[in-house]
Amino acid sequence: MDRNFFDTIIDFEKQLESTQLQFRALKEFVAIMVEEREALQQENNHLRQRLDEIHEKEAMLEKMRDEKVNKFDVGEGHDNLARLYQEGYHVCHVHFGSSRKEEDCLFCLSFLNKQNT
């Protein structure tokens, strides 16, 4: 009977050692997972910051584009074309930019009159 009890204690000791090894392996695995989780959270925060910066830049560019479009005055463009025509240059699509030689161009006049209406 003493021998059987002694064998039982030895078996129990082996089970404890095995359980202890499994527990150490589990602790190491958990430590690795915690480190990876922290690294992923940092990377995620960094990516969110970059995304916010990109969205801010896009919003700023969109606002600048809108302001630029709003500042564009169609009348000012027409005035510039009329001034070019008075300076002796064609503003029609047929001869645009070429010299008029002091003659009126029906295409230019038609174009400028369309812009006026």
N, C-alpha and C. Protein backbone atom coordinates (compact mmCIF):
# COMPACT_ATOMS: atom_id res chain seq x y z
N MET A 1 0.80 -1.18 0.00
CA MET A 1 0.00 0.00 0.00
C MET A 1 0.87 1.27 0.00
N ASP A 2 1.97 1.28 0.74
CA ASP A 2 2.85 2.43 0.77
C ASP A 2 3.46 2.70 -0.61
N ARG A 3 3.74 1.62 -1.30
CA ARG A 3 4.31 1.76 -2.64
C ARG A 3 3.29 2.41 -3.58
N ASN A 4 2.08 2.03 -3.52
CA ASN A 4 1.02 2.57 -4.35
C ASN A 4 0.80 4.05 -4.03
N PHE A 5 0.83 4.40 -2.75
CA PHE A 5 0.68 5.79 -2.34
C PHE A 5 1.84 6.63 -2.85
N PHE A 6 3.05 6.07 -2.75
CA PHE A 6 4.25 6.75 -3.23
C PHE A 6 4.17 6.97 -4.74
N ASP A 7 3.72 6.01 -5.49
CA ASP A 7 3.54 6.14 -6.95
C ASP A 7 2.51 7.22 -7.28
N THR A 8 1.47 7.29 -6.50
CA THR A 8 0.43 8.29 -6.70
C THR A 8 1.00 9.69 -6.50
N ILE A 9 1.83 9.86 -5.50
CA ILE A 9 2.45 11.16 -5.24
C ILE A 9 3.40 11.53 -6.38
N ILE A 10 4.16 10.58 -6.87
CA ILE A 10 5.08 10.84 -8.00
C ILE A 10 4.29 11.22 -9.24
N ASP A 11 3.20 10.52 -9.51
CA ASP A 11 2.36 10.85 -10.66
C ASP A 11 1.77 12.27 -10.50
N PHE A 12 1.35 12.59 -9.30
CA PHE A 12 0.79 13.91 -9.04
C PHE A 12 1.85 14.99 -9.25
N GLU A 13 3.09 14.72 -8.83
CA GLU A 13 4.19 15.66 -9.03
C GLU A 13 4.46 15.88 -10.51
N LYS A 14 4.43 14.82 -11.30
CA LYS A 14 4.63 14.93 -12.75
C LYS A 14 3.51 15.76 -13.39
N GLN A 15 2.29 15.54 -12.92
CA GLN A 15 1.16 16.32 -13.45
C GLN A 15 1.33 17.81 -13.11
N LEU A 16 1.79 18.10 -11.89
CA LEU A 16 2.02 19.48 -11.49
C LEU A 16 3.11 20.12 -12.36
N GLU A 17 4.19 19.39 -12.62
CA GLU A 17 5.27 19.92 -13.46
C GLU A 17 4.76 20.18 -14.88
N SER A 18 3.97 19.26 -15.40
CA SER A 18 3.40 19.42 -16.74
C SER A 18 2.47 20.64 -16.78
N THR A 19 1.63 20.76 -15.75
CA THR A 19 0.72 21.90 -15.67
C THR A 19 1.50 23.20 -15.56
N GLN A 20 2.59 23.18 -14.79
CA GLN A 20 3.42 24.36 -14.64
C GLN A 20 4.07 24.76 -15.98
N LEU A 21 4.54 23.79 -16.75
CA LEU A 21 5.10 24.07 -18.07
C LEU A 21 4.05 24.67 -19.00
N GLN A 22 2.85 24.10 -18.97
CA GLN A 22 1.76 24.62 -19.80
C GLN A 22 1.41 26.05 -19.38
N PHE A 23 1.42 26.30 -18.04
CA PHE A 23 1.11 27.63 -17.55
C PHE A 23 2.16 28.64 -18.00
N ARG A 24 3.45 28.28 -17.95
CA ARG A 24 4.53 29.16 -18.42
C ARG A 24 4.37 29.48 -19.91
N ALA A 25 4.07 28.44 -20.69
CA ALA A 25 3.88 28.64 -22.13
C ALA A 25 2.70 29.56 -22.38
N LEU A 26 1.63 29.38 -21.60
CA LEU A 26 0.46 30.24 -21.74
C LEU A 26 0.79 31.68 -21.36
N LYS A 27 1.57 31.89 -20.30
CA LYS A 27 1.99 33.23 -19.89
C LYS A 27 2.81 33.91 -20.98
N GLU A 28 3.73 33.16 -21.59
CA GLU A 28 4.56 33.71 -22.67
C GLU A 28 3.68 34.10 -23.87
N PHE A 29 2.73 33.24 -24.20
CA PHE A 29 1.83 33.52 -25.31
C PHE A 29 1.00 34.79 -25.04
N VAL A 30 0.48 34.90 -23.82
CA VAL A 30 -0.31 36.08 -23.46
C VAL A 30 0.55 37.34 -23.52
N ALA A 31 1.80 37.26 -23.07
CA ALA A 31 2.70 38.42 -23.11
C ALA A 31 2.93 38.86 -24.55
N ILE A 32 3.14 37.91 -25.45
CA ILE A 32 3.34 38.22 -26.87
C ILE A 32 2.08 38.87 -27.45
N MET A 33 0.92 38.33 -27.12
CA MET A 33 -0.34 38.88 -27.62
C MET A 33 -0.57 40.31 -27.11
N VAL A 34 -0.23 40.56 -25.84
CA VAL A 34 -0.39 41.91 -25.28
C VAL A 34 0.53 42.89 -26.02
N GLU A 35 1.77 42.50 -26.28
CA GLU A 35 2.71 43.36 -27.02
C GLU A 35 2.20 43.65 -28.42
N GLU A 36 1.72 42.62 -29.10
CA GLU A 36 1.19 42.81 -30.46
C GLU A 36 -0.04 43.72 -30.44
N ARG A 37 -0.89 43.54 -29.44
CA ARG A 37 -2.09 44.38 -29.32
C ARG A 37 -1.69 45.83 -29.13
N GLU A 38 -0.73 46.10 -28.27
CA GLU A 38 -0.28 47.47 -28.04
C GLU A 38 0.32 48.08 -29.31
N ALA A 39 1.12 47.28 -30.03
CA ALA A 39 1.72 47.77 -31.28
C ALA A 39 0.63 48.08 -32.31
N LEU A 40 -0.38 47.23 -32.41
CA LEU A 40 -1.47 47.47 -33.35
C LEU A 40 -2.30 48.69 -32.95
N GLN A 41 -2.50 48.90 -31.66
CA GLN A 41 -3.23 50.09 -31.22
C GLN A 41 -2.46 51.35 -31.57
N GLN A 42 -1.15 51.34 -31.36
CA GLN A 42 -0.33 52.50 -31.71
C GLN A 42 -0.39 52.76 -33.21
N GLU A 43 -0.25 51.71 -33.99
CA GLU A 43 -0.31 51.87 -35.45
C GLU A 43 -1.69 52.39 -35.88
N ASN A 44 -2.73 51.86 -35.27
CA ASN A 44 -4.09 52.29 -35.58
C ASN A 44 -4.27 53.77 -35.24
N ASN A 45 -3.78 54.20 -34.09
CA ASN A 45 -3.87 55.61 -33.71
C ASN A 45 -3.10 56.49 -34.70
N HIS A 46 -1.91 56.02 -35.09
CA HIS A 46 -1.12 56.78 -36.07
C HIS A 46 -1.87 56.89 -37.39
N LEU A 47 -2.46 55.81 -37.85
CA LEU A 47 -3.20 55.83 -39.11
C LEU A 47 -4.43 56.73 -39.02
N ARG A 48 -5.10 56.73 -37.87
CA ARG A 48 -6.25 57.62 -37.69
C ARG A 48 -5.81 59.08 -37.76
N GLN A 49 -4.67 59.39 -37.13
CA GLN A 49 -4.16 60.76 -37.18
C GLN A 49 -3.84 61.16 -38.62
N ARG A 50 -3.18 60.27 -39.36
CA ARG A 50 -2.86 60.57 -40.76
C ARG A 50 -4.13 60.77 -41.58
N LEU A 51 -5.13 59.92 -41.34
CA LEU A 51 -6.39 60.03 -42.06
C LEU A 51 -7.08 61.36 -41.74
N ASP A 52 -7.05 61.75 -40.46
CA ASP A 52 -7.62 63.04 -40.08
C ASP A 52 -6.88 64.18 -40.77
N GLU A 53 -5.55 64.10 -40.83
CA GLU A 53 -4.77 65.13 -41.51
C GLU A 53 -5.13 65.22 -42.98
N ILE A 54 -5.28 64.06 -43.61
CA ILE A 54 -5.63 64.03 -45.04
C ILE A 54 -7.02 64.63 -45.25
N HIS A 55 -7.97 64.28 -44.37
CA HIS A 55 -9.32 64.83 -44.50
C HIS A 55 -9.31 66.34 -44.30
N GLU A 56 -8.50 66.83 -43.35
CA GLU A 56 -8.39 68.27 -43.14
C GLU A 56 -7.82 68.96 -44.37
N LYS A 57 -6.77 68.36 -44.96
CA LYS A 57 -6.17 68.94 -46.16
C LYS A 57 -7.16 68.96 -47.32
N GLU A 58 -7.89 67.84 -47.48
CA GLU A 58 -8.88 67.78 -48.56
C GLU A 58 -9.98 68.82 -48.36
N ALA A 59 -10.42 68.99 -47.11
CA ALA A 59 -11.45 69.98 -46.83
C ALA A 59 -10.93 71.38 -47.11
N MET A 60 -9.68 71.63 -46.74
CA MET A 60 -9.08 72.94 -46.98
C MET A 60 -8.95 73.20 -48.48
N LEU A 61 -8.50 72.19 -49.24
CA LEU A 61 -8.39 72.35 -50.69
C LEU A 61 -9.75 72.57 -51.33
N GLU A 62 -10.74 71.85 -50.86
CA GLU A 62 -12.10 72.02 -51.40
C GLU A 62 -12.60 73.43 -51.11
N LYS A 63 -12.35 73.91 -49.90
CA LYS A 63 -12.76 75.27 -49.55
C LYS A 63 -12.05 76.29 -50.43
N MET A 64 -10.73 76.06 -50.66
CA MET A 64 -9.98 76.98 -51.51
C MET A 64 -10.51 76.96 -52.93
N ARG A 65 -10.85 75.75 -53.43
CA ARG A 65 -11.41 75.64 -54.78
C ARG A 65 -12.74 76.39 -54.87
N ASP A 66 -13.57 76.21 -53.85
CA ASP A 66 -14.87 76.89 -53.83
C ASP A 66 -14.69 78.40 -53.81
N GLU A 67 -13.75 78.87 -52.99
CA GLU A 67 -13.49 80.31 -52.91
C GLU A 67 -12.98 80.83 -54.25
N LYS A 68 -12.12 80.05 -54.90
CA LYS A 68 -11.57 80.46 -56.19
C LYS A 68 -12.68 80.55 -57.24
N VAL A 69 -13.57 79.56 -57.24
CA VAL A 69 -14.68 79.58 -58.19
C VAL A 69 -15.59 80.76 -57.91
N ASN A 70 -15.85 81.03 -56.63
CA ASN A 70 -16.72 82.15 -56.28
C ASN A 70 -16.09 83.49 -56.63
N LYS A 71 -14.76 83.56 -56.58
CA LYS A 71 -14.09 84.81 -56.90
C LYS A 71 -14.07 85.08 -58.40
N PHE A 72 -14.20 84.02 -59.20
CA PHE A 72 -14.16 84.19 -60.65
C PHE A 72 -15.40 84.95 -61.09
N ASP A 73 -15.18 86.04 -61.75
CA ASP A 73 -16.28 86.88 -62.21
C ASP A 73 -16.39 86.74 -63.72
N VAL A 74 -17.53 86.25 -64.17
CA VAL A 74 -17.72 86.04 -65.61
C VAL A 74 -17.63 87.37 -66.33
N GLY A 75 -18.17 88.44 -65.74
CA GLY A 75 -18.12 89.77 -66.35
C GLY A 75 -16.69 90.23 -66.56
N GLU A 76 -15.82 89.89 -65.62
CA GLU A 76 -14.42 90.28 -65.74
C GLU A 76 -13.77 89.60 -66.94
N GLY A 77 -14.09 88.33 -67.16
CA GLY A 77 -13.56 87.62 -68.33
C GLY A 77 -14.04 88.24 -69.62
N HIS A 78 -15.32 88.60 -69.65
CA HIS A 78 -15.88 89.24 -70.84
C HIS A 78 -15.20 90.59 -71.08
N ASP A 79 -14.98 91.33 -70.00
CA ASP A 79 -14.31 92.62 -70.13
C ASP A 79 -12.90 92.45 -70.68
N ASN A 80 -12.21 91.42 -70.22
CA ASN A 80 -10.86 91.16 -70.74
C ASN A 80 -10.87 90.83 -72.22
N LEU A 81 -11.84 90.01 -72.63
CA LEU A 81 -11.95 89.69 -74.07
C LEU A 81 -12.29 90.93 -74.89
N ALA A 82 -13.19 91.76 -74.37
CA ALA A 82 -13.55 92.99 -75.08
C ALA A 82 -12.34 93.90 -75.19
N ARG A 83 -11.55 93.99 -74.14
CA ARG A 83 -10.34 94.82 -74.16
C ARG A 83 -9.36 94.28 -75.21
N LEU A 84 -9.18 92.95 -75.25
CA LEU A 84 -8.29 92.36 -76.26
C LEU A 84 -8.78 92.67 -77.67
N TYR A 85 -10.09 92.60 -77.86
CA TYR A 85 -10.66 92.90 -79.18
C TYR A 85 -10.37 94.36 -79.55
N GLN A 86 -10.54 95.28 -78.58
CA GLN A 86 -10.28 96.70 -78.83
C GLN A 86 -8.80 96.96 -79.11
N GLU A 87 -7.94 96.11 -78.55
CA GLU A 87 -6.50 96.26 -78.80
C GLU A 87 -6.09 95.68 -80.15
N GLY A 88 -7.04 95.06 -80.87
CA GLY A 88 -6.75 94.61 -82.22
C GLY A 88 -6.52 93.11 -82.36
N TYR A 89 -7.02 92.32 -81.42
CA TYR A 89 -6.85 90.87 -81.51
C TYR A 89 -8.20 90.18 -81.63
N HIS A 90 -8.19 89.04 -82.34
CA HIS A 90 -9.40 88.23 -82.46
C HIS A 90 -9.66 87.52 -81.13
N VAL A 91 -10.96 87.45 -80.75
CA VAL A 91 -11.36 86.70 -79.56
C VAL A 91 -12.32 85.57 -79.93
N CYS A 92 -12.58 85.42 -81.20
CA CYS A 92 -13.47 84.35 -81.66
C CYS A 92 -12.71 83.03 -81.74
N HIS A 93 -13.45 81.95 -81.79
CA HIS A 93 -12.82 80.63 -81.86
C HIS A 93 -12.12 80.37 -83.20
N VAL A 94 -12.51 81.11 -84.21
CA VAL A 94 -11.95 80.89 -85.55
C VAL A 94 -10.52 81.43 -85.66
N HIS A 95 -10.29 82.62 -85.16
CA HIS A 95 -8.98 83.27 -85.32
C HIS A 95 -8.38 83.72 -83.98
N PHE A 96 -8.73 83.10 -82.92
CA PHE A 96 -8.37 83.57 -81.57
C PHE A 96 -6.88 83.90 -81.45
N GLY A 97 -6.61 85.12 -80.95
CA GLY A 97 -5.25 85.54 -80.66
C GLY A 97 -4.51 86.17 -81.82
N SER A 98 -5.03 86.02 -83.03
CA SER A 98 -4.32 86.62 -84.17
C SER A 98 -4.74 88.09 -84.31
N SER A 99 -3.91 88.86 -84.98
CA SER A 99 -4.14 90.30 -85.15
C SER A 99 -5.32 90.54 -86.09
N ARG A 100 -6.15 91.60 -85.82
CA ARG A 100 -7.34 91.89 -86.61
C ARG A 100 -7.07 92.83 -87.78
N LYS A 101 -6.04 93.54 -87.84
CA LYS A 101 -5.72 94.48 -88.93
C LYS A 101 -6.78 95.56 -89.08
N GLU A 102 -7.24 96.12 -87.99
CA GLU A 102 -8.17 97.26 -87.95
C GLU A 102 -9.55 96.97 -88.54
N GLU A 103 -9.84 95.74 -88.95
CA GLU A 103 -11.17 95.42 -89.48
C GLU A 103 -11.99 94.76 -88.38
N ASP A 104 -13.31 95.00 -88.41
CA ASP A 104 -14.19 94.31 -87.47
C ASP A 104 -14.38 92.86 -87.93
N CYS A 105 -14.49 91.97 -86.97
CA CYS A 105 -14.70 90.54 -87.28
C CYS A 105 -16.10 90.17 -86.80
N LEU A 106 -16.91 89.67 -87.73
CA LEU A 106 -18.28 89.31 -87.37
C LEU A 106 -18.32 88.18 -86.33
N PHE A 107 -17.37 87.25 -86.42
CA PHE A 107 -17.31 86.16 -85.44
C PHE A 107 -17.04 86.71 -84.04
N CYS A 108 -16.05 87.61 -83.95
CA CYS A 108 -15.71 88.20 -82.65
C CYS A 108 -16.88 89.00 -82.10
N LEU A 109 -17.49 89.82 -82.96
CA LEU A 109 -18.61 90.65 -82.50
C LEU A 109 -19.78 89.78 -82.05
N SER A 110 -20.04 88.73 -82.80
CA SER A 110 -21.12 87.81 -82.43
C SER A 110 -20.81 87.16 -81.08
N PHE A 111 -19.57 86.74 -80.91
CA PHE A 111 -19.16 86.10 -79.66
C PHE A 111 -19.30 87.08 -78.49
N LEU A 112 -18.82 88.29 -78.66
CA LEU A 112 -18.89 89.28 -77.58
C LEU A 112 -20.34 89.66 -77.26
N ASN A 113 -21.21 89.70 -78.29
CA ASN A 113 -22.62 90.00 -78.04
C ASN A 113 -23.31 88.86 -77.31
N LYS A 114 -22.93 87.63 -77.60
CA LYS A 114 -23.50 86.48 -76.87
C LYS A 114 -23.11 86.52 -75.40
N GLN A 115 -21.89 86.94 -75.13
CA GLN A 115 -21.40 87.01 -73.77
C GLN A 115 -22.12 88.11 -72.99
N ASN A 116 -22.57 89.14 -73.69
CA ASN A 116 -23.28 90.25 -73.04
C ASN A 116 -24.66 89.86 -72.57
N THR A 117 -25.30 88.93 -73.24
CA THR A 117 -26.67 88.58 -72.91
C THR A 117 -26.77 87.52 -71.87
